[in-house]
Amino acid sequence: TFTTKADAELSPTRQFNTPKGFICVASPETIALDLVTFPQKSGGMSSAFEILSDLSEHLNLENCKQVI
């Protein structure tokens, strides 16, 4: 399921180049905050924490401050 939120344009993103151009995706810090805020969208809190565990090596404390 693809989910969006009303203020998504205010969330930090990362840009990736693709063969067809570029795409903007949520930053790891934005994903982490969304997982904690909306755990039901990722299969519950235990699934959210499992994803956060994998994501943790990509999180930057300074970037986390921008998300909050």
N, C-alpha and C. Protein backbone atom coordinates (compact mmCIF):
# COMPACT_ATOMS: atom_id res chain seq x y z
N THR A 1 0.83 -1.17 0.00
CA THR A 1 0.00 0.00 0.00
C THR A 1 0.88 1.24 0.00
N PHE A 2 0.57 2.17 -0.86
CA PHE A 2 1.30 3.43 -0.91
C PHE A 2 0.54 4.44 -0.08
N THR A 3 1.24 5.12 0.81
CA THR A 3 0.62 6.08 1.71
C THR A 3 1.27 7.44 1.54
N THR A 4 0.46 8.47 1.58
CA THR A 4 0.99 9.84 1.55
C THR A 4 0.43 10.58 2.75
N LYS A 5 1.02 11.73 3.04
CA LYS A 5 0.48 12.57 4.09
C LYS A 5 0.37 14.00 3.58
N ALA A 6 -0.53 14.75 4.15
CA ALA A 6 -0.86 16.09 3.63
C ALA A 6 0.34 17.02 3.60
N ASP A 7 1.23 16.94 4.58
CA ASP A 7 2.37 17.85 4.63
C ASP A 7 3.66 17.19 4.15
N ALA A 8 3.56 16.22 3.28
CA ALA A 8 4.74 15.48 2.80
C ALA A 8 5.77 16.39 2.16
N GLU A 9 5.35 17.44 1.51
CA GLU A 9 6.31 18.33 0.84
C GLU A 9 7.22 19.06 1.84
N LEU A 10 6.85 19.06 3.11
CA LEU A 10 7.67 19.70 4.13
C LEU A 10 8.72 18.75 4.72
N SER A 11 8.60 17.47 4.43
CA SER A 11 9.52 16.47 4.97
C SER A 11 10.81 16.41 4.16
N PRO A 12 11.95 16.23 4.84
CA PRO A 12 13.22 16.10 4.13
C PRO A 12 13.23 14.89 3.20
N THR A 13 13.84 15.08 2.04
CA THR A 13 13.92 14.01 1.05
C THR A 13 15.37 13.85 0.58
N ARG A 14 15.58 12.78 -0.17
CA ARG A 14 16.86 12.55 -0.84
C ARG A 14 16.55 12.36 -2.31
N GLN A 15 17.46 12.81 -3.14
CA GLN A 15 17.26 12.70 -4.58
C GLN A 15 18.18 11.63 -5.14
N PHE A 16 17.62 10.76 -5.99
CA PHE A 16 18.39 9.70 -6.63
C PHE A 16 18.26 9.83 -8.14
N ASN A 17 19.36 9.63 -8.82
CA ASN A 17 19.34 9.62 -10.28
C ASN A 17 18.92 8.25 -10.77
N THR A 18 18.11 8.23 -11.80
CA THR A 18 17.68 7.00 -12.44
C THR A 18 17.95 7.12 -13.94
N PRO A 19 17.85 6.05 -14.69
CA PRO A 19 18.06 6.15 -16.14
C PRO A 19 17.09 7.12 -16.83
N LYS A 20 15.94 7.36 -16.22
CA LYS A 20 14.92 8.24 -16.81
C LYS A 20 14.92 9.65 -16.23
N GLY A 21 15.82 9.95 -15.30
CA GLY A 21 15.84 11.26 -14.67
C GLY A 21 16.17 11.12 -13.20
N PHE A 22 15.40 11.75 -12.34
CA PHE A 22 15.65 11.64 -10.91
C PHE A 22 14.33 11.43 -10.18
N ILE A 23 14.46 10.95 -8.95
CA ILE A 23 13.30 10.71 -8.10
C ILE A 23 13.64 11.19 -6.69
N CYS A 24 12.69 11.79 -6.03
CA CYS A 24 12.84 12.20 -4.64
C CYS A 24 12.14 11.18 -3.75
N VAL A 25 12.84 10.73 -2.73
CA VAL A 25 12.26 9.80 -1.75
C VAL A 25 12.50 10.35 -0.35
N ALA A 26 11.74 9.90 0.58
CA ALA A 26 11.89 10.34 1.97
C ALA A 26 13.28 10.00 2.48
N SER A 27 13.82 10.90 3.29
CA SER A 27 15.12 10.64 3.91
C SER A 27 14.96 9.52 4.94
N PRO A 28 16.05 8.85 5.30
CA PRO A 28 15.96 7.81 6.34
C PRO A 28 15.34 8.33 7.63
N GLU A 29 15.65 9.58 7.97
CA GLU A 29 15.11 10.17 9.19
C GLU A 29 13.60 10.39 9.09
N THR A 30 13.12 10.79 7.92
CA THR A 30 11.69 10.95 7.70
C THR A 30 10.99 9.61 7.81
N ILE A 31 11.58 8.59 7.22
CA ILE A 31 11.01 7.24 7.28
C ILE A 31 10.94 6.77 8.72
N ALA A 32 12.01 7.00 9.49
CA ALA A 32 12.03 6.58 10.89
C ALA A 32 10.91 7.24 11.69
N LEU A 33 10.74 8.54 11.51
CA LEU A 33 9.68 9.26 12.23
C LEU A 33 8.30 8.75 11.82
N ASP A 34 8.11 8.52 10.53
CA ASP A 34 6.81 8.01 10.06
C ASP A 34 6.53 6.61 10.60
N LEU A 35 7.56 5.78 10.70
CA LEU A 35 7.37 4.43 11.24
C LEU A 35 6.89 4.47 12.69
N VAL A 36 7.46 5.38 13.45
CA VAL A 36 7.07 5.50 14.86
C VAL A 36 5.72 6.18 15.01
N THR A 37 5.43 7.14 14.15
CA THR A 37 4.17 7.88 14.21
C THR A 37 2.99 7.06 13.70
N PHE A 38 3.23 6.26 12.66
CA PHE A 38 2.16 5.47 12.03
C PHE A 38 2.54 3.99 11.96
N PRO A 39 2.75 3.33 13.11
CA PRO A 39 3.20 1.93 13.07
C PRO A 39 2.20 0.98 12.39
N GLN A 40 0.91 1.32 12.44
CA GLN A 40 -0.11 0.48 11.84
C GLN A 40 0.07 0.38 10.32
N LYS A 41 0.71 1.38 9.72
CA LYS A 41 0.92 1.39 8.26
C LYS A 41 2.04 0.43 7.85
N SER A 42 2.88 0.01 8.82
CA SER A 42 3.98 -0.89 8.50
C SER A 42 3.80 -2.27 9.12
N GLY A 43 2.60 -2.57 9.58
CA GLY A 43 2.34 -3.89 10.13
C GLY A 43 2.41 -3.98 11.63
N GLY A 44 2.40 -2.86 12.31
CA GLY A 44 2.44 -2.85 13.77
C GLY A 44 3.78 -2.41 14.30
N MET A 45 3.83 -2.18 15.61
CA MET A 45 5.03 -1.65 16.23
C MET A 45 6.22 -2.60 16.10
N SER A 46 6.00 -3.91 16.21
CA SER A 46 7.13 -4.84 16.10
C SER A 46 7.74 -4.79 14.70
N SER A 47 6.92 -4.67 13.67
CA SER A 47 7.43 -4.54 12.31
C SER A 47 8.15 -3.21 12.13
N ALA A 48 7.60 -2.15 12.71
CA ALA A 48 8.23 -0.84 12.62
C ALA A 48 9.61 -0.88 13.25
N PHE A 49 9.74 -1.52 14.41
CA PHE A 49 11.05 -1.60 15.07
C PHE A 49 12.03 -2.46 14.28
N GLU A 50 11.54 -3.48 13.63
CA GLU A 50 12.41 -4.32 12.79
C GLU A 50 12.97 -3.49 11.63
N ILE A 51 12.12 -2.70 11.02
CA ILE A 51 12.56 -1.83 9.92
C ILE A 51 13.52 -0.77 10.45
N LEU A 52 13.21 -0.19 11.62
CA LEU A 52 14.10 0.81 12.23
C LEU A 52 15.47 0.22 12.53
N SER A 53 15.51 -1.02 12.96
CA SER A 53 16.78 -1.68 13.23
C SER A 53 17.64 -1.72 11.97
N ASP A 54 17.04 -2.07 10.84
CA ASP A 54 17.77 -2.11 9.58
C ASP A 54 18.14 -0.70 9.11
N LEU A 55 17.30 0.24 9.37
CA LEU A 55 17.48 1.62 8.92
C LEU A 55 18.48 2.40 9.77
N SER A 56 18.71 1.95 10.99
CA SER A 56 19.49 2.71 11.97
C SER A 56 20.89 3.08 11.49
N GLU A 57 21.53 2.26 10.70
CA GLU A 57 22.88 2.58 10.24
C GLU A 57 22.90 3.74 9.24
N HIS A 58 21.74 4.13 8.73
CA HIS A 58 21.65 5.22 7.76
C HIS A 58 21.14 6.52 8.38
N LEU A 59 20.85 6.50 9.69
CA LEU A 59 20.32 7.69 10.35
C LEU A 59 21.43 8.62 10.80
N ASN A 60 21.17 9.91 10.69
CA ASN A 60 22.12 10.95 11.08
C ASN A 60 21.42 11.83 12.11
N LEU A 61 22.03 11.99 13.27
CA LEU A 61 21.41 12.76 14.35
C LEU A 61 21.08 14.19 13.95
N GLU A 62 21.98 14.84 13.23
CA GLU A 62 21.72 16.22 12.79
C GLU A 62 20.52 16.27 11.86
N ASN A 63 20.39 15.29 10.98
CA ASN A 63 19.24 15.25 10.07
C ASN A 63 17.95 14.96 10.83
N CYS A 64 18.03 14.21 11.92
CA CYS A 64 16.84 13.92 12.73
C CYS A 64 16.25 15.21 13.28
N LYS A 65 17.10 16.15 13.63
CA LYS A 65 16.61 17.42 14.18
C LYS A 65 15.78 18.18 13.16
N GLN A 66 16.07 18.03 11.87
CA GLN A 66 15.32 18.71 10.82
C GLN A 66 13.93 18.11 10.64
N VAL A 67 13.79 16.85 10.93
CA VAL A 67 12.53 16.14 10.71
C VAL A 67 11.50 16.49 11.77
N ILE A 68 11.97 16.70 12.99
CA ILE A 68 11.04 16.93 14.11
C ILE A 68 10.46 18.29 14.09
